[in-house]
């Protein structure tokens, strides 16, 4: 069993113990994922690049960073479960697509979008 599978099973058990599946439509889960992503983004609001880079060093900020990342992952797992997506397989497939779009000889050290690589 993969880490994603075990984590998803624990998450579904947590959800089902609370009878929350009724609220977990695909639309609601996608909305919630984006709200959690906004909470992660909020950790950087009005901060300099140096302050953002220091977040993992400060215990309270690091905990907030971990919590928001975890919330995002948990909603993503629920979305994948609801939509029947194998996240690990989807991520591997996406990496392969990106490797085709961004060949090393053209993309190395460049921030250009694949449509601009020539």
C-alpha atoms as a PDB file:
ATOM      1  CA  UNK A   1       0.000   0.000   0.000  1.00  0.00           C
ATOM      2  CA  UNK A   2       1.426   3.382  -0.998  1.00  0.00           C
ATOM      3  CA  UNK A   3       1.745   6.297   1.383  1.00  0.00           C
ATOM      4  CA  UNK A   4      -1.079   8.010  -0.518  1.00  0.00           C
ATOM      5  CA  UNK A   5      -3.302   4.946  -0.167  1.00  0.00           C
ATOM      6  CA  UNK A   6      -2.697   4.625   3.560  1.00  0.00           C
ATOM      7  CA  UNK A   7      -3.188   8.335   4.122  1.00  0.00           C
ATOM      8  CA  UNK A   8      -6.365   8.354   2.032  1.00  0.00           C
ATOM      9  CA  UNK A   9      -7.739   5.399   3.997  1.00  0.00           C
ATOM     10  CA  UNK A  10      -7.072   7.209   7.291  1.00  0.00           C
ATOM     11  CA  UNK A  11      -8.623  10.392   5.902  1.00  0.00           C
ATOM     12  CA  UNK A  12     -11.753   8.582   4.692  1.00  0.00           C
ATOM     13  CA  UNK A  13     -12.126   6.908   8.077  1.00  0.00           C
ATOM     14  CA  UNK A  14     -11.831  10.306   9.781  1.00  0.00           C
ATOM     15  CA  UNK A  15     -14.424  11.754   7.398  1.00  0.00           C
ATOM     16  CA  UNK A  16     -16.823   8.830   7.712  1.00  0.00           C
ATOM     17  CA  UNK A  17     -16.657   8.808  11.524  1.00  0.00           C
ATOM     18  CA  UNK A  18     -18.036  12.346  11.370  1.00  0.00           C
ATOM     19  CA  UNK A  19     -20.597  11.736   8.583  1.00  0.00           C
ATOM     20  CA  UNK A  20     -19.023  14.444   6.454  1.00  0.00           C
ATOM     21  CA  UNK A  21     -19.130  12.633   3.104  1.00  0.00           C
ATOM     22  CA  UNK A  22     -22.518  14.235   2.483  1.00  0.00           C
ATOM     23  CA  UNK A  23     -20.750  17.613   2.223  1.00  0.00           C
ATOM     24  CA  UNK A  24     -17.871  16.383   0.092  1.00  0.00           C
ATOM     25  CA  UNK A  25     -19.143  16.890  -3.424  1.00  0.00           C
ATOM     26  CA  UNK A  26     -16.472  17.319  -6.042  1.00  0.00           C
ATOM     27  CA  UNK A  27     -17.358  21.021  -6.356  1.00  0.00           C
ATOM     28  CA  UNK A  28     -17.150  21.588  -2.585  1.00  0.00           C
ATOM     29  CA  UNK A  29     -13.830  19.765  -2.343  1.00  0.00           C
ATOM     30  CA  UNK A  30     -12.307  21.758  -5.195  1.00  0.00           C
ATOM     31  CA  UNK A  31     -13.551  24.987  -3.617  1.00  0.00           C
ATOM     32  CA  UNK A  32     -12.137  23.968  -0.240  1.00  0.00           C
ATOM     33  CA  UNK A  33      -8.778  23.097  -1.782  1.00  0.00           C
ATOM     34  CA  UNK A  34      -8.563  26.580  -3.239  1.00  0.00           C
ATOM     35  CA  UNK A  35      -9.529  28.196   0.053  1.00  0.00           C
ATOM     36  CA  UNK A  36      -6.763  26.264   1.788  1.00  0.00           C
ATOM     37  CA  UNK A  37      -4.305  27.280  -0.936  1.00  0.00           C
ATOM     38  CA  UNK A  38      -5.299  30.890  -0.269  1.00  0.00           C
ATOM     39  CA  UNK A  39      -4.553  30.356   3.438  1.00  0.00           C
ATOM     40  CA  UNK A  40      -1.091  29.127   2.461  1.00  0.00           C
ATOM     41  CA  UNK A  41      -0.655  32.195   0.284  1.00  0.00           C
ATOM     42  CA  UNK A  42      -1.788  34.396   3.160  1.00  0.00           C
ATOM     43  CA  UNK A  43       1.286  33.311   5.115  1.00  0.00           C
ATOM     44  CA  UNK A  44       3.359  35.290   2.611  1.00  0.00           C
ATOM     45  CA  UNK A  45       1.175  38.392   2.410  1.00  0.00           C
ATOM     46  CA  UNK A  46       3.073  41.647   2.932  1.00  0.00           C
ATOM     47  CA  UNK A  47       6.324  39.799   3.605  1.00  0.00           C
ATOM     48  CA  UNK A  48       9.611  40.301   1.816  1.00  0.00           C
ATOM     49  CA  UNK A  49      11.267  37.389   0.035  1.00  0.00           C
ATOM     50  CA  UNK A  50      13.681  37.102   2.966  1.00  0.00           C
ATOM     51  CA  UNK A  51      10.808  36.897   5.456  1.00  0.00           C
ATOM     52  CA  UNK A  52       9.098  34.211   3.399  1.00  0.00           C
ATOM     53  CA  UNK A  53      12.330  32.208   3.141  1.00  0.00           C
ATOM     54  CA  UNK A  54      12.607  32.395   6.955  1.00  0.00           C
ATOM     55  CA  UNK A  55       9.152  30.903   7.585  1.00  0.00           C
ATOM     56  CA  UNK A  56      10.447  27.338   8.059  1.00  0.00           C
ATOM     57  CA  UNK A  57      12.899  28.535  10.733  1.00  0.00           C
ATOM     58  CA  UNK A  58      10.369  30.225  13.012  1.00  0.00           C
ATOM     59  CA  UNK A  59       8.547  27.529  15.044  1.00  0.00           C
ATOM     60  CA  UNK A  60       5.099  29.155  14.873  1.00  0.00           C
ATOM     61  CA  UNK A  61       5.394  30.053  11.206  1.00  0.00           C
ATOM     62  CA  UNK A  62       6.747  26.592  10.391  1.00  0.00           C
ATOM     63  CA  UNK A  63       3.765  24.987  12.124  1.00  0.00           C
ATOM     64  CA  UNK A  64       1.360  27.194  10.163  1.00  0.00           C
ATOM     65  CA  UNK A  65       3.192  26.317   6.944  1.00  0.00           C
ATOM     66  CA  UNK A  66       2.989  22.586   7.727  1.00  0.00           C
ATOM     67  CA  UNK A  67      -0.694  22.825   8.675  1.00  0.00           C
ATOM     68  CA  UNK A  68      -1.679  24.649   5.495  1.00  0.00           C
ATOM     69  CA  UNK A  69       0.336  22.262   3.318  1.00  0.00           C
ATOM     70  CA  UNK A  70      -1.321  19.327   5.071  1.00  0.00           C
ATOM     71  CA  UNK A  71      -4.793  20.820   4.572  1.00  0.00           C
ATOM     72  CA  UNK A  72      -4.080  21.198   0.856  1.00  0.00           C
ATOM     73  CA  UNK A  73      -2.824  17.633   0.572  1.00  0.00           C
ATOM     74  CA  UNK A  74      -5.820  16.247   2.449  1.00  0.00           C
ATOM     75  CA  UNK A  75      -8.304  18.036   0.190  1.00  0.00           C
ATOM     76  CA  UNK A  76      -6.344  16.909  -2.860  1.00  0.00           C
ATOM     77  CA  UNK A  77      -6.544  13.311  -1.660  1.00  0.00           C
ATOM     78  CA  UNK A  78     -10.309  13.661  -1.185  1.00  0.00           C
ATOM     79  CA  UNK A  79     -10.678  15.123  -4.671  1.00  0.00           C
ATOM     80  CA  UNK A  80      -8.618  12.319  -6.182  1.00  0.00           C
ATOM     81  CA  UNK A  81     -10.604   9.684  -4.299  1.00  0.00           C
ATOM     82  CA  UNK A  82     -13.923  11.214  -5.376  1.00  0.00           C
ATOM     83  CA  UNK A  83     -12.813  11.525  -9.010  1.00  0.00           C
ATOM     84  CA  UNK A  84     -11.118   8.100  -9.148  1.00  0.00           C
ATOM     85  CA  UNK A  85      -7.659   9.534  -9.779  1.00  0.00           C
ATOM     86  CA  UNK A  86      -4.492   7.656  -8.851  1.00  0.00           C
ATOM     87  CA  UNK A  87      -2.434  10.678  -7.797  1.00  0.00           C
ATOM     88  CA  UNK A  88       0.939   8.958  -7.957  1.00  0.00           C
ATOM     89  CA  UNK A  89       0.243   7.678 -11.474  1.00  0.00           C
ATOM     90  CA  UNK A  90      -1.145  11.074 -12.533  1.00  0.00           C
ATOM     91  CA  UNK A  91       1.944  12.839 -11.174  1.00  0.00           C
ATOM     92  CA  UNK A  92       4.285  10.446 -13.009  1.00  0.00           C
ATOM     93  CA  UNK A  93       2.305  10.967 -16.253  1.00  0.00           C
ATOM     94  CA  UNK A  94       2.424  14.751 -15.806  1.00  0.00           C
ATOM     95  CA  UNK A  95       6.193  14.647 -15.225  1.00  0.00           C
ATOM     96  CA  UNK A  96       6.557  12.741 -18.494  1.00  0.00           C
ATOM     97  CA  UNK A  97       4.431  15.341 -20.325  1.00  0.00           C
ATOM     98  CA  UNK A  98       6.476  18.154 -18.788  1.00  0.00           C
ATOM     99  CA  UNK A  99       9.714  16.448 -19.830  1.00  0.00           C
ATOM    100  CA  UNK A 100       8.476  16.562 -23.431  1.00  0.00           C
ATOM    101  CA  UNK A 101       7.403  20.207 -23.162  1.00  0.00           C
ATOM    102  CA  UNK A 102      10.597  21.278 -21.403  1.00  0.00           C
ATOM    103  CA  UNK A 103      13.534  19.357 -22.881  1.00  0.00           C
ATOM    104  CA  UNK A 104      16.707  19.939 -20.888  1.00  0.00           C
ATOM    105  CA  UNK A 105      18.644  21.328 -23.838  1.00  0.00           C
ATOM    106  CA  UNK A 106      16.052  24.103 -24.323  1.00  0.00           C
ATOM    107  CA  UNK A 107      14.736  24.665 -20.802  1.00  0.00           C
ATOM    108  CA  UNK A 108      17.897  24.442 -18.699  1.00  0.00           C
ATOM    109  CA  UNK A 109      18.191  27.570 -16.577  1.00  0.00           C
ATOM    110  CA  UNK A 110      15.256  29.233 -18.337  1.00  0.00           C
ATOM    111  CA  UNK A 111      12.012  30.438 -16.809  1.00  0.00           C
ATOM    112  CA  UNK A 112      10.340  30.647 -20.222  1.00  0.00           C
ATOM    113  CA  UNK A 113       7.075  28.849 -20.820  1.00  0.00           C
ATOM    114  CA  UNK A 114       7.335  25.881 -23.163  1.00  0.00           C
ATOM    115  CA  UNK A 115       5.587  27.869 -25.914  1.00  0.00           C
ATOM    116  CA  UNK A 116       8.465  30.365 -25.777  1.00  0.00           C
ATOM    117  CA  UNK A 117      11.370  27.910 -25.834  1.00  0.00           C
ATOM    118  CA  UNK A 118      11.531  27.694 -29.608  1.00  0.00           C
END
